[in-house]
Amino acid sequence: MSNADRLGGSSVRETMRCWIVTAPGPVEQGPLQLVRRRIPSPGPDELLVRVSVCGVCRTDLHLAEGDLPTRRPGTVPGHEVVGRVSAVGEGVPSVAIGELVGVAWLRGTCGSCRYCRSGATNLCPSSRYTGWDVDGGYAEYAVVPAAWAYRLPTGYFDEELAPLLCAGIIGFRALRRADLPRHGRLGIYGFGASAHLCAQVAINEGARVHVLTRSPDARELALRLGCASAGDAYGAPPEPLDSAILFAPVGDLVPVALAALDRGGTLAVAGIHLSDVPPLDYQRHLFFERTLRSVTANTRQDGEDFLHAAARHHLEVVTTPYPFDAAPRALVDLARDRVSGAAVLRVTQPPVPDP
């Protein structure tokens, strides 16, 4: 580790605190380390953001534990970043110092491959990701390409905005991938950060939502948010489903969810990582034109569309806040399903929003 990475360096005013993934492994063994690094400078077409809050996503957990292979040593995780512009690189138009922006998972694509040309930018082989390819928001400052920074809806606290930037966006894409018909019957397996936002979008669009999760607290939250029913993850919903989304990274639930689908139904698997899927019985799980789909990241348009929806229909964003120094504990709690809604790190003190 370089001297710039060590806490207690001499140029504290020019440095920032950040958490890095050192040796991936079980979160109980402490794969995160708090270090001090020099505050980065924005390059051309980039913004330097002073981080207010950063959501703690299950993808961060997969990175810390090694389910998602590290792409660079000493990566700073975090891709649900809310903060204020601290400096602007050359060539950036129409962004003011102090402006509130969001930094999300997808942070760049090549723009020229056949996927980008067709609008499927989430499938670009050269795509880059915040907190994986490039340092993310478990830090006091972060850099983002100006073209990939999001303007955020008003009326939310910073802490509420953070989960919108991945949990919200990926849940929105999963909902679209599930091909839910108008006023359809949607099953949601697992009910954490992404699912509780996705459910509200579906309800606002007229769906009847059934939640299946092992957590009694999550079932209680689902009913409070307006879901039609809430039961055990391995149970059966009270009616056949037109569509289902699997948010829990549990492969054993794939046949369970497929069996709950009505004829012609679609199951979308929303996680970046999934444990092994057991053998499927063709007649029981796939016949009658049931469809099984994966969900891979999101497009920039998904992000814009979801944030516009969040502006139109104010979502109730349930968060569990953690001080910045408690990032390892937040990951442990996430791994053990002890987080209600979305975990969020409070990095610096944000101002109170306008009423």
Protein backbone atom coordinates (compact mmCIF):
# COMPACT_ATOMS: atom_id res chain seq x y z
CA MET A 1 0.00 0.00 0.00
CA SER A 2 1.33 3.44 -0.92
CA ASN A 3 1.88 6.21 1.61
CA ALA A 4 -1.11 8.05 0.12
CA ASP A 5 -3.28 5.08 1.08
CA ARG A 6 -2.32 5.14 4.75
CA LEU A 7 -4.43 6.88 7.36
CA GLY A 8 -2.78 9.67 9.21
CA GLY A 9 -0.77 11.09 6.28
CA SER A 10 0.81 14.52 6.54
CA SER A 11 -1.31 16.34 3.90
CA VAL A 12 -4.68 15.73 5.51
CA ARG A 13 -6.26 18.83 3.94
CA GLU A 14 -5.50 17.48 0.44
CA THR A 15 -6.67 13.98 1.19
CA MET A 16 -9.93 12.19 1.85
CA ARG A 17 -11.04 9.13 3.75
CA CYS A 18 -12.29 6.18 1.77
CA TRP A 19 -13.03 2.50 2.18
CA ILE A 20 -11.28 0.07 -0.17
CA VAL A 21 -11.61 -3.65 -0.85
CA THR A 22 -8.28 -5.21 0.08
CA ALA A 23 -8.55 -9.01 0.15
CA PRO A 24 -12.08 -10.15 -0.86
CA GLY A 25 -13.63 -12.63 1.53
CA PRO A 26 -16.50 -13.09 3.99
CA VAL A 27 -17.56 -9.72 5.36
CA GLU A 28 -17.08 -10.97 8.90
CA GLN A 29 -13.35 -11.20 8.09
CA GLY A 30 -13.14 -7.51 7.20
CA PRO A 31 -12.42 -7.20 3.46
CA LEU A 32 -12.90 -3.41 3.70
CA GLN A 33 -10.12 -1.14 4.95
CA LEU A 34 -10.35 2.55 5.80
CA VAL A 35 -7.53 4.52 4.17
CA ARG A 36 -6.65 8.07 3.26
CA ARG A 37 -6.02 9.01 -0.37
CA ARG A 38 -5.43 12.21 -2.27
CA ILE A 39 -8.61 13.94 -3.38
CA PRO A 40 -8.93 13.25 -7.13
CA SER A 41 -9.05 16.04 -9.70
CA PRO A 42 -11.68 16.06 -12.44
CA GLY A 43 -10.34 15.59 -15.95
CA PRO A 44 -11.89 17.03 -19.12
CA ASP A 45 -15.67 16.47 -19.22
CA GLU A 46 -15.69 15.26 -15.59
CA LEU A 47 -17.12 16.45 -12.28
CA LEU A 48 -15.64 16.19 -8.81
CA VAL A 49 -18.44 15.43 -6.36
CA ARG A 50 -18.26 15.90 -2.61
CA VAL A 51 -20.18 12.85 -1.45
CA SER A 52 -23.08 13.44 0.91
CA VAL A 53 -24.42 9.88 1.13
CA CYS A 54 -23.82 6.57 -0.60
CA GLY A 55 -26.19 3.62 -0.71
CA VAL A 56 -24.93 0.18 0.32
CA CYS A 57 -25.92 -2.21 -2.44
CA ARG A 58 -25.84 -6.01 -2.56
CA THR A 59 -23.41 -5.64 -5.48
CA ASP A 60 -20.97 -4.01 -3.04
CA LEU A 61 -21.36 -7.10 -0.87
CA HIS A 62 -20.64 -9.38 -3.84
CA LEU A 63 -17.51 -7.34 -4.62
CA ALA A 64 -16.28 -7.40 -1.03
CA GLU A 65 -16.83 -11.14 -0.68
CA GLY A 66 -15.37 -12.06 -4.07
CA ASP A 67 -18.57 -13.26 -5.78
CA LEU A 68 -17.92 -10.41 -8.20
CA PRO A 69 -14.23 -10.54 -9.17
CA THR A 70 -12.27 -7.36 -8.51
CA ARG A 71 -11.05 -5.55 -11.62
CA ARG A 72 -8.42 -3.41 -9.93
CA PRO A 73 -6.60 -3.47 -6.58
CA GLY A 74 -7.89 -1.31 -3.76
CA THR A 75 -11.24 -0.48 -5.33
CA VAL A 76 -13.50 2.00 -3.54
CA PRO A 77 -17.00 0.45 -3.71
CA GLY A 78 -20.30 2.31 -3.91
CA HIS A 79 -22.47 3.29 -6.85
CA GLU A 80 -25.51 4.97 -5.31
CA VAL A 81 -23.77 8.28 -4.79
CA VAL A 82 -25.44 11.58 -3.96
CA GLY A 83 -23.37 14.73 -3.57
CA ARG A 84 -22.66 18.25 -4.66
CA VAL A 85 -20.37 19.38 -7.44
CA SER A 86 -17.10 20.56 -5.95
CA ALA A 87 -15.07 21.16 -9.13
CA VAL A 88 -15.70 21.03 -12.86
CA GLY A 89 -13.32 19.79 -15.54
CA GLU A 90 -12.70 21.47 -18.88
CA GLY A 91 -15.46 21.23 -21.43
CA VAL A 92 -18.34 20.67 -19.01
CA PRO A 93 -21.31 22.90 -19.86
CA SER A 94 -24.20 23.98 -17.66
CA VAL A 95 -23.13 22.49 -14.34
CA ALA A 96 -22.77 24.80 -11.35
CA ILE A 97 -20.57 24.38 -8.30
CA GLY A 98 -22.80 23.15 -5.48
CA GLU A 99 -25.32 21.49 -7.79
CA LEU A 100 -26.80 18.25 -6.47
CA VAL A 101 -26.06 15.25 -8.70
CA GLY A 102 -26.26 11.47 -8.58
CA VAL A 103 -23.65 8.91 -9.61
CA ALA A 104 -24.97 5.48 -10.58
CA TRP A 105 -23.63 2.01 -11.45
CA LEU A 106 -23.29 2.42 -15.23
CA ARG A 107 -20.78 5.19 -15.96
CA GLY A 108 -19.75 4.73 -19.58
CA THR A 109 -20.10 2.74 -22.79
CA CYS A 110 -18.22 2.75 -26.09
CA GLY A 111 -21.11 4.32 -28.02
CA SER A 112 -20.16 2.56 -31.27
CA CYS A 113 -20.75 -1.21 -30.88
CA ARG A 114 -23.91 -2.80 -32.25
CA TYR A 115 -25.45 -2.86 -28.78
CA CYS A 116 -24.89 0.85 -28.24
CA ARG A 117 -26.15 1.66 -31.73
CA SER A 118 -29.35 -0.28 -31.07
CA GLY A 119 -29.96 1.35 -27.67
CA ALA A 120 -28.99 -1.73 -25.64
CA THR A 121 -26.13 0.11 -23.96
CA ASN A 122 -26.39 -2.15 -20.90
CA LEU A 123 -24.93 -4.94 -23.06
CA CYS A 124 -21.93 -2.95 -24.33
CA PRO A 125 -18.81 -5.17 -23.97
CA SER A 126 -16.77 -2.06 -23.10
CA SER A 127 -19.16 -0.71 -20.46
CA ARG A 128 -17.65 0.65 -17.25
CA TYR A 129 -19.07 0.67 -13.76
CA THR A 130 -18.79 2.89 -10.70
CA GLY A 131 -17.30 1.14 -7.70
CA TRP A 132 -15.94 -1.72 -9.84
CA ASP A 133 -13.91 -0.37 -12.77
CA VAL A 134 -13.52 3.07 -11.18
CA ASP A 135 -13.58 4.19 -7.55
CA GLY A 136 -17.04 4.80 -6.15
CA GLY A 137 -18.82 6.53 -3.31
CA TYR A 138 -17.49 4.92 -0.13
CA ALA A 139 -15.33 8.04 -0.04
CA GLU A 140 -15.59 11.71 0.75
CA TYR A 141 -15.10 12.66 -2.91
CA ALA A 142 -15.77 10.92 -6.22
CA VAL A 143 -15.26 11.74 -9.89
CA VAL A 144 -17.89 11.09 -12.55
CA PRO A 145 -18.13 11.83 -16.29
CA ALA A 146 -20.52 14.77 -16.57
CA ALA A 147 -22.53 12.95 -19.25
CA TRP A 148 -23.26 10.12 -16.78
CA ALA A 149 -24.18 12.24 -13.76
CA TYR A 150 -27.91 12.38 -13.04
CA ARG A 151 -29.96 15.40 -12.09
CA LEU A 152 -32.12 14.30 -9.18
CA PRO A 153 -35.81 14.81 -8.36
CA THR A 154 -36.73 17.37 -5.72
CA GLY A 155 -38.66 16.69 -2.54
CA TYR A 156 -36.40 13.90 -1.27
CA PHE A 157 -33.70 13.95 1.40
CA ASP A 158 -30.22 12.98 0.18
CA GLU A 159 -30.52 9.75 2.14
CA GLU A 160 -33.71 8.88 0.22
CA LEU A 161 -32.18 9.72 -3.16
CA ALA A 162 -29.23 7.34 -2.88
CA PRO A 163 -31.17 4.06 -3.26
CA LEU A 164 -32.95 5.41 -6.33
CA LEU A 165 -29.65 5.37 -8.23
CA CYS A 166 -29.28 1.58 -8.37
CA ALA A 167 -31.96 -0.17 -6.35
CA GLY A 168 -34.57 2.00 -8.00
CA ILE A 169 -33.17 1.96 -11.53
CA ILE A 170 -32.45 -1.77 -11.67
CA GLY A 171 -35.85 -2.55 -10.17
CA PHE A 172 -37.45 -0.38 -12.84
CA ARG A 173 -35.60 -2.24 -15.60
CA ALA A 174 -36.52 -5.59 -14.04
CA LEU A 175 -40.17 -4.53 -14.02
CA ARG A 176 -39.99 -3.75 -17.73
CA ARG A 177 -38.17 -7.05 -18.44
CA ALA A 178 -40.94 -8.92 -16.61
CA ASP A 179 -43.47 -7.81 -19.27
CA LEU A 180 -46.17 -7.07 -16.73
CA PRO A 181 -49.47 -6.49 -18.56
CA ARG A 182 -51.67 -3.54 -17.70
CA HIS A 183 -53.35 -4.13 -14.31
CA GLY A 184 -51.49 -7.44 -14.12
CA ARG A 185 -50.55 -9.71 -11.23
CA LEU A 186 -46.92 -9.33 -10.18
CA GLY A 187 -44.96 -11.53 -7.79
CA ILE A 188 -41.85 -10.15 -6.09
CA TYR A 189 -39.40 -12.61 -4.46
CA GLY A 190 -37.23 -10.91 -1.86
CA PHE A 191 -38.17 -7.49 -0.52
CA GLY A 192 -35.15 -5.31 0.10
CA ALA A 193 -33.93 -2.01 -1.31
CA SER A 194 -34.79 -2.60 -4.96
CA ALA A 195 -37.98 -4.56 -4.45
CA HIS A 196 -39.71 -2.06 -2.17
CA LEU A 197 -39.22 0.68 -4.78
CA CYS A 198 -40.19 -1.53 -7.72
CA ALA A 199 -43.38 -2.57 -5.93
CA GLN A 200 -44.46 1.05 -5.54
CA VAL A 201 -43.87 1.79 -9.23
CA ALA A 202 -45.94 -1.28 -10.19
CA ILE A 203 -48.76 -0.32 -7.81
CA ASN A 204 -48.76 3.23 -9.19
CA GLU A 205 -49.18 1.71 -12.66
CA GLY A 206 -52.20 -0.32 -11.56
CA ALA A 207 -50.66 -3.73 -10.78
CA ARG A 208 -51.69 -6.11 -8.02
CA VAL A 209 -48.45 -7.03 -6.23
CA HIS A 210 -47.78 -10.17 -4.18
CA VAL A 211 -44.56 -10.27 -2.14
CA LEU A 212 -42.83 -13.52 -1.15
CA THR A 213 -39.96 -13.18 1.31
CA ARG A 214 -38.55 -14.95 4.37
CA SER A 215 -38.43 -11.76 6.45
CA PRO A 216 -41.48 -11.02 8.65
CA ASP A 217 -40.47 -7.35 8.83
CA ALA A 218 -40.27 -7.16 5.03
CA ARG A 219 -43.72 -8.74 4.73
CA GLU A 220 -45.09 -6.13 7.11
CA LEU A 221 -43.46 -3.34 5.07
CA ALA A 222 -44.87 -4.75 1.82
CA LEU A 223 -48.41 -4.66 3.16
CA ARG A 224 -47.94 -1.13 4.51
CA LEU A 225 -46.78 0.02 1.05
CA GLY A 226 -49.97 -1.30 -0.55
CA CYS A 227 -49.06 -4.78 -1.77
CA ALA A 228 -52.02 -7.16 -2.09
CA SER A 229 -50.39 -9.97 -0.10
CA ALA A 230 -47.14 -10.95 1.56
CA GLY A 231 -46.08 -14.51 2.28
CA ASP A 232 -43.10 -16.81 2.73
CA ALA A 233 -40.55 -16.95 -0.10
CA TYR A 234 -41.16 -20.65 -0.76
CA GLY A 235 -44.94 -20.37 -0.45
CA ALA A 236 -47.48 -19.89 -3.22
CA PRO A 237 -49.10 -16.54 -4.01
CA PRO A 238 -52.90 -16.38 -3.62
CA GLU A 239 -53.42 -16.27 -7.40
CA PRO A 240 -51.44 -17.18 -10.54
CA LEU A 241 -48.94 -14.52 -11.61
CA ASP A 242 -48.66 -12.76 -14.96
CA SER A 243 -45.10 -11.73 -14.13
CA ALA A 244 -42.54 -12.21 -11.38
CA ILE A 245 -39.24 -10.66 -10.40
CA LEU A 246 -36.59 -12.49 -8.39
CA PHE A 247 -34.56 -10.00 -6.35
CA ALA A 248 -33.20 -12.48 -3.80
CA PRO A 249 -29.89 -13.97 -5.07
CA VAL A 250 -31.18 -17.49 -4.39
CA GLY A 251 -31.21 -19.88 -7.32
CA ASP A 252 -33.51 -22.30 -5.45
CA LEU A 253 -36.31 -19.75 -5.89
CA VAL A 254 -36.20 -19.85 -9.72
CA PRO A 255 -38.33 -23.03 -10.02
CA VAL A 256 -40.58 -21.79 -7.22
CA ALA A 257 -41.28 -18.54 -9.05
CA LEU A 258 -41.69 -20.24 -12.44
CA ALA A 259 -44.25 -22.64 -10.96
CA ALA A 260 -46.25 -19.66 -9.68
CA LEU A 261 -46.60 -18.13 -13.16
CA ASP A 262 -49.79 -18.37 -15.15
CA ARG A 263 -49.63 -19.46 -18.79
CA GLY A 264 -47.51 -17.05 -20.83
CA GLY A 265 -46.00 -15.50 -17.71
CA THR A 266 -42.47 -14.09 -17.42
CA LEU A 267 -39.89 -14.34 -14.63
CA ALA A 268 -37.12 -11.72 -14.59
CA VAL A 269 -34.03 -12.42 -12.45
CA ALA A 270 -32.70 -9.08 -11.28
CA GLY A 271 -29.43 -9.86 -9.48
CA ILE A 272 -25.88 -9.52 -10.77
CA HIS A 273 -25.09 -12.75 -8.89
CA LEU A 274 -27.25 -15.82 -8.30
CA SER A 275 -26.56 -19.08 -6.50
CA ASP A 276 -26.90 -22.27 -8.56
CA VAL A 277 -30.31 -22.95 -10.08
CA PRO A 278 -31.57 -26.49 -9.48
CA PRO A 279 -32.78 -28.62 -12.41
CA LEU A 280 -36.06 -27.43 -13.94
CA ASP A 281 -38.95 -29.66 -14.84
CA TYR A 282 -39.99 -28.63 -18.34
CA GLN A 283 -43.69 -29.44 -17.95
CA ARG A 284 -44.05 -27.80 -14.54
CA HIS A 285 -41.78 -24.79 -14.88
CA LEU A 286 -41.47 -23.79 -18.56
CA PHE A 287 -44.32 -25.29 -20.56
CA PHE A 288 -47.27 -23.11 -21.60
CA GLU A 289 -44.79 -20.54 -22.90
CA ARG A 290 -43.46 -19.33 -19.59
CA THR A 291 -40.38 -17.16 -20.07
CA LEU A 292 -37.22 -16.90 -17.93
CA ARG A 293 -35.17 -13.72 -18.39
CA SER A 294 -32.07 -12.21 -16.86
CA VAL A 295 -31.56 -8.52 -16.16
CA THR A 296 -28.16 -6.99 -16.93
CA ALA A 297 -27.40 -3.55 -15.50
CA ASN A 298 -29.42 -0.74 -17.10
CA THR A 299 -29.31 1.82 -19.86
CA ARG A 300 -28.94 5.54 -19.33
CA GLN A 301 -32.54 5.87 -20.55
CA ASP A 302 -33.72 3.49 -17.82
CA GLY A 303 -32.19 5.83 -15.27
CA GLU A 304 -33.81 8.92 -16.75
CA ASP A 305 -37.21 7.22 -17.05
CA PHE A 306 -37.15 5.93 -13.49
CA LEU A 307 -36.08 9.24 -11.95
CA HIS A 308 -38.86 11.00 -13.86
CA ALA A 309 -41.30 8.42 -12.45
CA ALA A 310 -39.92 9.06 -8.95
CA ALA A 311 -40.52 12.78 -9.47
CA ARG A 312 -44.12 12.23 -10.64
CA HIS A 313 -45.08 9.76 -7.91
CA HIS A 314 -43.21 10.47 -4.70
CA LEU A 315 -41.93 7.10 -3.52
CA GLU A 316 -41.58 6.11 0.11
CA VAL A 317 -37.89 5.25 0.38
CA VAL A 318 -37.20 3.17 3.48
CA THR A 319 -33.60 3.49 4.62
CA THR A 320 -31.37 2.26 7.40
CA PRO A 321 -28.63 4.87 7.91
CA TYR A 322 -25.06 4.13 9.01
CA PRO A 323 -22.25 6.52 9.87
CA PHE A 324 -19.39 6.48 7.37
CA ASP A 325 -17.09 4.70 9.82
CA ALA A 326 -19.57 1.81 10.05
CA ALA A 327 -19.39 0.70 6.41
CA PRO A 328 -18.17 -2.82 7.35
CA ARG A 329 -21.07 -3.22 9.76
CA ALA A 330 -23.52 -2.14 7.06
CA LEU A 331 -22.24 -4.90 4.77
CA VAL A 332 -22.48 -7.49 7.54
CA ASP A 333 -26.05 -6.44 8.31
CA LEU A 334 -26.90 -6.61 4.61
CA ALA A 335 -25.42 -10.10 4.34
CA ARG A 336 -27.46 -11.24 7.34
CA ASP A 337 -30.72 -9.62 6.13
CA ARG A 338 -30.80 -7.19 9.04
CA VAL A 339 -31.43 -4.09 6.89
CA SER A 340 -34.90 -2.64 6.52
CA GLY A 341 -35.25 -1.13 3.06
CA ALA A 342 -31.92 0.25 1.86
CA ALA A 343 -28.70 0.74 3.83
CA VAL A 344 -27.15 4.18 3.34
CA LEU A 345 -23.78 5.55 4.47
CA ARG A 346 -23.79 9.13 5.74
CA VAL A 347 -20.47 10.36 4.38
CA THR A 348 -20.70 14.11 4.98
CA GLN A 349 -23.48 16.18 6.53
CA PRO A 350 -26.04 17.17 3.84
CA PRO A 351 -28.21 20.29 4.10
CA VAL A 352 -31.92 20.01 4.86
CA PRO A 353 -33.94 20.05 1.60
CA ASP A 354 -36.36 22.85 0.76
CA PRO A 355 -39.91 22.07 1.94
